């Protein structure tokens, strides 16, 4: 699997259940949790977390 597939699946779920999304880490029903870098594609950026987060 790839991180892109994970983000695509998240986006499809949110289309069906928009109330499950919240940009704050401690709110919302589901999250994509992955590490990455500033060099990753833009669609992945909102889901990249640091180890501390």
PDB file of N, CA and C in Angstrom:
ATOM      1  N   UNK A   1       0.840  -1.184   0.000  1.00  0.00           N
ATOM      2  CA  UNK A   1       0.000   0.000   0.000  1.00  0.00           C
ATOM      3  C   UNK A   1       0.883   1.245   0.000  1.00  0.00           C
ATOM      4  N   UNK A   2       0.293   2.341  -0.406  1.00  0.00           N
ATOM      5  CA  UNK A   2       1.039   3.594  -0.432  1.00  0.00           C
ATOM      6  C   UNK A   2       0.333   4.639   0.431  1.00  0.00           C
ATOM      7  N   UNK A   3       1.073   5.677   0.759  1.00  0.00           N
ATOM      8  CA  UNK A   3       0.479   6.770   1.523  1.00  0.00           C
ATOM      9  C   UNK A   3      -0.575   7.489   0.696  1.00  0.00           C
ATOM     10  N   UNK A   4      -0.369   7.568  -0.621  1.00  0.00           N
ATOM     11  CA  UNK A   4      -1.356   8.205  -1.497  1.00  0.00           C
ATOM     12  C   UNK A   4      -2.683   7.448  -1.457  1.00  0.00           C
ATOM     13  N   UNK A   5      -2.635   6.123  -1.492  1.00  0.00           N
ATOM     14  CA  UNK A   5      -3.860   5.321  -1.401  1.00  0.00           C
ATOM     15  C   UNK A   5      -4.571   5.612  -0.085  1.00  0.00           C
ATOM     16  N   UNK A   6      -3.817   5.719   0.978  1.00  0.00           N
ATOM     17  CA  UNK A   6      -4.386   5.994   2.296  1.00  0.00           C
ATOM     18  C   UNK A   6      -5.115   7.339   2.309  1.00  0.00           C
ATOM     19  N   UNK A   7      -4.489   8.357   1.752  1.00  0.00           N
ATOM     20  CA  UNK A   7      -5.102   9.687   1.706  1.00  0.00           C
ATOM     21  C   UNK A   7      -6.327   9.672   0.793  1.00  0.00           C
ATOM     22  N   UNK A   8      -6.233   8.974  -0.338  1.00  0.00           N
ATOM     23  CA  UNK A   8      -7.386   8.875  -1.252  1.00  0.00           C
ATOM     24  C   UNK A   8      -8.567   8.196  -0.563  1.00  0.00           C
ATOM     25  N   UNK A   9      -8.309   7.138   0.181  1.00  0.00           N
ATOM     26  CA  UNK A   9      -9.372   6.445   0.903  1.00  0.00           C
ATOM     27  C   UNK A   9      -9.987   7.361   1.964  1.00  0.00           C
ATOM     28  N   UNK A  10      -9.147   8.071   2.702  1.00  0.00           N
ATOM     29  CA  UNK A  10      -9.634   9.030   3.695  1.00  0.00           C
ATOM     30  C   UNK A  10     -10.565  10.045   3.032  1.00  0.00           C
ATOM     31  N   UNK A  11     -10.147  10.596   1.903  1.00  0.00           N
ATOM     32  CA  UNK A  11     -10.959  11.597   1.209  1.00  0.00           C
ATOM     33  C   UNK A  11     -12.301  11.034   0.760  1.00  0.00           C
ATOM     34  N   UNK A  12     -12.324   9.786   0.319  1.00  0.00           N
ATOM     35  CA  UNK A  12     -13.583   9.164  -0.092  1.00  0.00           C
ATOM     36  C   UNK A  12     -14.505   8.936   1.110  1.00  0.00           C
ATOM     37  N   UNK A  13     -13.935   8.532   2.224  1.00  0.00           N
ATOM     38  CA  UNK A  13     -14.734   8.345   3.448  1.00  0.00           C
ATOM     39  C   UNK A  13     -15.325   9.677   3.896  1.00  0.00           C
ATOM     40  N   UNK A  14     -14.531  10.732   3.854  1.00  0.00           N
ATOM     41  CA  UNK A  14     -14.993  12.051   4.280  1.00  0.00           C
ATOM     42  C   UNK A  14     -16.105  12.569   3.363  1.00  0.00           C
ATOM     43  N   UNK A  15     -16.071  12.198   2.095  1.00  0.00           N
ATOM     44  CA  UNK A  15     -17.171  12.574   1.195  1.00  0.00           C
ATOM     45  C   UNK A  15     -18.486  11.964   1.675  1.00  0.00           C
ATOM     46  N   UNK A  16     -18.413  10.735   2.182  1.00  0.00           N
ATOM     47  CA  UNK A  16     -19.610  10.047   2.682  1.00  0.00           C
ATOM     48  C   UNK A  16     -20.002  10.507   4.082  1.00  0.00           C
ATOM     49  N   UNK A  17     -19.024  10.837   4.899  1.00  0.00           N
ATOM     50  CA  UNK A  17     -19.253  11.227   6.292  1.00  0.00           C
ATOM     51  C   UNK A  17     -18.475  12.508   6.612  1.00  0.00           C
ATOM     52  N   UNK A  18     -18.903  13.653   6.078  1.00  0.00           N
ATOM     53  CA  UNK A  18     -18.130  14.889   6.293  1.00  0.00           C
ATOM     54  C   UNK A  18     -17.987  15.284   7.758  1.00  0.00           C
ATOM     55  N   UNK A  19     -18.913  14.878   8.594  1.00  0.00           N
ATOM     56  CA  UNK A  19     -18.823  15.213  10.019  1.00  0.00           C
ATOM     57  C   UNK A  19     -17.727  14.430  10.740  1.00  0.00           C
ATOM     58  N   UNK A  20     -17.136  13.439  10.104  1.00  0.00           N
ATOM     59  CA  UNK A  20     -16.032  12.685  10.703  1.00  0.00           C
ATOM     60  C   UNK A  20     -14.707  13.436  10.603  1.00  0.00           C
ATOM     61  N   UNK A  21     -14.646  14.463   9.765  1.00  0.00           N
ATOM     62  CA  UNK A  21     -13.402  15.209   9.548  1.00  0.00           C
ATOM     63  C   UNK A  21     -13.315  16.403  10.493  1.00  0.00           C
ATOM     64  N   UNK A  22     -12.131  16.650  10.976  1.00  0.00           N
ATOM     65  CA  UNK A  22     -11.822  17.890  11.686  1.00  0.00           C
ATOM     66  C   UNK A  22     -10.320  18.103  11.558  1.00  0.00           C
ATOM     67  N   UNK A  23      -9.880  19.315  11.252  1.00  0.00           N
ATOM     68  CA  UNK A  23      -8.444  19.540  11.052  1.00  0.00           C
ATOM     69  C   UNK A  23      -7.605  19.415  12.330  1.00  0.00           C
ATOM     70  N   UNK A  24      -8.215  19.564  13.500  1.00  0.00           N
ATOM     71  CA  UNK A  24      -7.466  19.414  14.755  1.00  0.00           C
ATOM     72  C   UNK A  24      -7.204  17.934  15.038  1.00  0.00           C
ATOM     73  N   UNK A  25      -5.999  17.628  15.495  1.00  0.00           N
ATOM     74  CA  UNK A  25      -5.627  16.239  15.777  1.00  0.00           C
ATOM     75  C   UNK A  25      -6.493  15.593  16.853  1.00  0.00           C
ATOM     76  N   UNK A  26      -6.961  16.383  17.802  1.00  0.00           N
ATOM     77  CA  UNK A  26      -7.712  15.809  18.916  1.00  0.00           C
ATOM     78  C   UNK A  26      -9.224  15.844  18.709  1.00  0.00           C
ATOM     79  N   UNK A  27      -9.661  16.172  17.496  1.00  0.00           N
ATOM     80  CA  UNK A  27     -11.087  16.202  17.184  1.00  0.00           C
ATOM     81  C   UNK A  27     -11.340  15.424  15.910  1.00  0.00           C
ATOM     82  N   UNK A  28     -12.595  15.098  15.657  1.00  0.00           N
ATOM     83  CA  UNK A  28     -12.934  14.309  14.480  1.00  0.00           C
ATOM     84  C   UNK A  28     -12.970  12.832  14.819  1.00  0.00           C
ATOM     85  N   UNK A  29     -13.430  12.035  13.880  1.00  0.00           N
ATOM     86  CA  UNK A  29     -13.589  10.602  14.117  1.00  0.00           C
ATOM     87  C   UNK A  29     -12.437   9.784  13.556  1.00  0.00           C
ATOM     88  N   UNK A  30     -11.929  10.166  12.372  1.00  0.00           N
ATOM     89  CA  UNK A  30     -10.839   9.406  11.763  1.00  0.00           C
ATOM     90  C   UNK A  30      -9.698  10.334  11.380  1.00  0.00           C
ATOM     91  N   UNK A  31      -8.501   9.773  11.323  1.00  0.00           N
ATOM     92  CA  UNK A  31      -7.306  10.511  10.918  1.00  0.00           C
ATOM     93  C   UNK A  31      -6.416   9.592  10.089  1.00  0.00           C
ATOM     94  N   UNK A  32      -5.619  10.206   9.228  1.00  0.00           N
ATOM     95  CA  UNK A  32      -4.513   9.526   8.569  1.00  0.00           C
ATOM     96  C   UNK A  32      -3.293   9.875   9.405  1.00  0.00           C
ATOM     97  N   UNK A  33      -2.554   8.890   9.837  1.00  0.00           N
ATOM     98  CA  UNK A  33      -1.367   9.126  10.646  1.00  0.00           C
ATOM     99  C   UNK A  33      -0.172   8.578   9.888  1.00  0.00           C
ATOM    100  N   UNK A  34       0.710   9.490   9.428  1.00  0.00           N
ATOM    101  CA  UNK A  34       1.882   9.072   8.673  1.00  0.00           C
ATOM    102  C   UNK A  34       2.981  10.108   8.828  1.00  0.00           C
ATOM    103  N   UNK A  35       4.197   9.659   8.645  1.00  0.00           N
ATOM    104  CA  UNK A  35       5.325  10.576   8.646  1.00  0.00           C
ATOM    105  C   UNK A  35       5.620  10.964   7.205  1.00  0.00           C
ATOM    106  N   UNK A  36       6.315  12.047   7.033  1.00  0.00           N
ATOM    107  CA  UNK A  36       6.648  12.517   5.699  1.00  0.00           C
ATOM    108  C   UNK A  36       7.582  13.699   5.792  1.00  0.00           C
ATOM    109  N   UNK A  37       7.631  14.453   4.688  1.00  0.00           N
ATOM    110  CA  UNK A  37       8.516  15.611   4.656  1.00  0.00           C
ATOM    111  C   UNK A  37       7.891  16.715   3.818  1.00  0.00           C
ATOM    112  N   UNK A  38       8.518  17.863   3.836  1.00  0.00           N
ATOM    113  CA  UNK A  38       8.034  18.996   3.046  1.00  0.00           C
ATOM    114  C   UNK A  38       8.107  18.706   1.556  1.00  0.00           C
ATOM    115  N   UNK A  39       8.892  17.723   1.154  1.00  0.00           N
ATOM    116  CA  UNK A  39       9.033  17.375  -0.261  1.00  0.00           C
ATOM    117  C   UNK A  39       7.881  16.503  -0.770  1.00  0.00           C
ATOM    118  N   UNK A  40       7.028  16.005   0.127  1.00  0.00           N
ATOM    119  CA  UNK A  40       5.895  15.174  -0.302  1.00  0.00           C
ATOM    120  C   UNK A  40       4.888  16.003  -1.081  1.00  0.00           C
ATOM    121  N   UNK A  41       4.123  15.332  -1.937  1.00  0.00           N
ATOM    122  CA  UNK A  41       3.117  15.996  -2.754  1.00  0.00           C
ATOM    123  C   UNK A  41       2.110  16.743  -1.881  1.00  0.00           C
ATOM    124  N   UNK A  42       1.525  17.801  -2.422  1.00  0.00           N
ATOM    125  CA  UNK A  42       0.588  18.648  -1.678  1.00  0.00           C
ATOM    126  C   UNK A  42      -0.595  17.870  -1.087  1.00  0.00           C
ATOM    127  N   UNK A  43      -1.222  16.924  -1.807  1.00  0.00           N
ATOM    128  CA  UNK A  43      -2.373  16.221  -1.210  1.00  0.00           C
ATOM    129  C   UNK A  43      -2.023  15.455   0.072  1.00  0.00           C
ATOM    130  N   UNK A  44      -0.762  15.114   0.260  1.00  0.00           N
ATOM    131  CA  UNK A  44      -0.348  14.379   1.457  1.00  0.00           C
ATOM    132  C   UNK A  44      -0.074  15.310   2.642  1.00  0.00           C
ATOM    133  N   UNK A  45       0.257  16.550   2.378  1.00  0.00           N
ATOM    134  CA  UNK A  45       0.719  17.477   3.410  1.00  0.00           C
ATOM    135  C   UNK A  45      -0.197  17.607   4.635  1.00  0.00           C
ATOM    136  N   UNK A  46      -1.525  17.718   4.464  1.00  0.00           N
ATOM    137  CA  UNK A  46      -2.366  17.880   5.665  1.00  0.00           C
ATOM    138  C   UNK A  46      -2.349  16.683   6.611  1.00  0.00           C
ATOM    139  N   UNK A  47      -1.865  15.534   6.140  1.00  0.00           N
ATOM    140  CA  UNK A  47      -1.905  14.309   6.932  1.00  0.00           C
ATOM    141  C   UNK A  47      -0.571  13.948   7.557  1.00  0.00           C
ATOM    142  N   UNK A  48       0.481  14.676   7.218  1.00  0.00           N
ATOM    143  CA  UNK A  48       1.817  14.365   7.729  1.00  0.00           C
ATOM    144  C   UNK A  48       1.921  14.836   9.168  1.00  0.00           C
ATOM    145  N   UNK A  49       2.384  13.949  10.023  1.00  0.00           N
ATOM    146  CA  UNK A  49       2.535  14.232  11.444  1.00  0.00           C
ATOM    147  C   UNK A  49       3.988  14.045  11.842  1.00  0.00           C
ATOM    148  N   UNK A  50       4.410  14.788  12.826  1.00  0.00           N
ATOM    149  CA  UNK A  50       5.732  14.555  13.406  1.00  0.00           C
ATOM    150  C   UNK A  50       5.599  13.408  14.396  1.00  0.00           C
ATOM    151  N   UNK A  51       6.706  12.877  14.848  1.00  0.00           N
ATOM    152  CA  UNK A  51       6.649  11.791  15.827  1.00  0.00           C
ATOM    153  C   UNK A  51       5.964  12.254  17.104  1.00  0.00           C
ATOM    154  N   UNK A  52       6.154  13.505  17.474  1.00  0.00           N
ATOM    155  CA  UNK A  52       5.527  14.029  18.692  1.00  0.00           C
ATOM    156  C   UNK A  52       4.001  14.102  18.552  1.00  0.00           C
ATOM    157  N   UNK A  53       3.523  14.437  17.373  1.00  0.00           N
ATOM    158  CA  UNK A  53       2.071  14.513  17.151  1.00  0.00           C
ATOM    159  C   UNK A  53       1.510  13.146  17.022  1.00  0.00           C
TER     160      UNK A  53
END
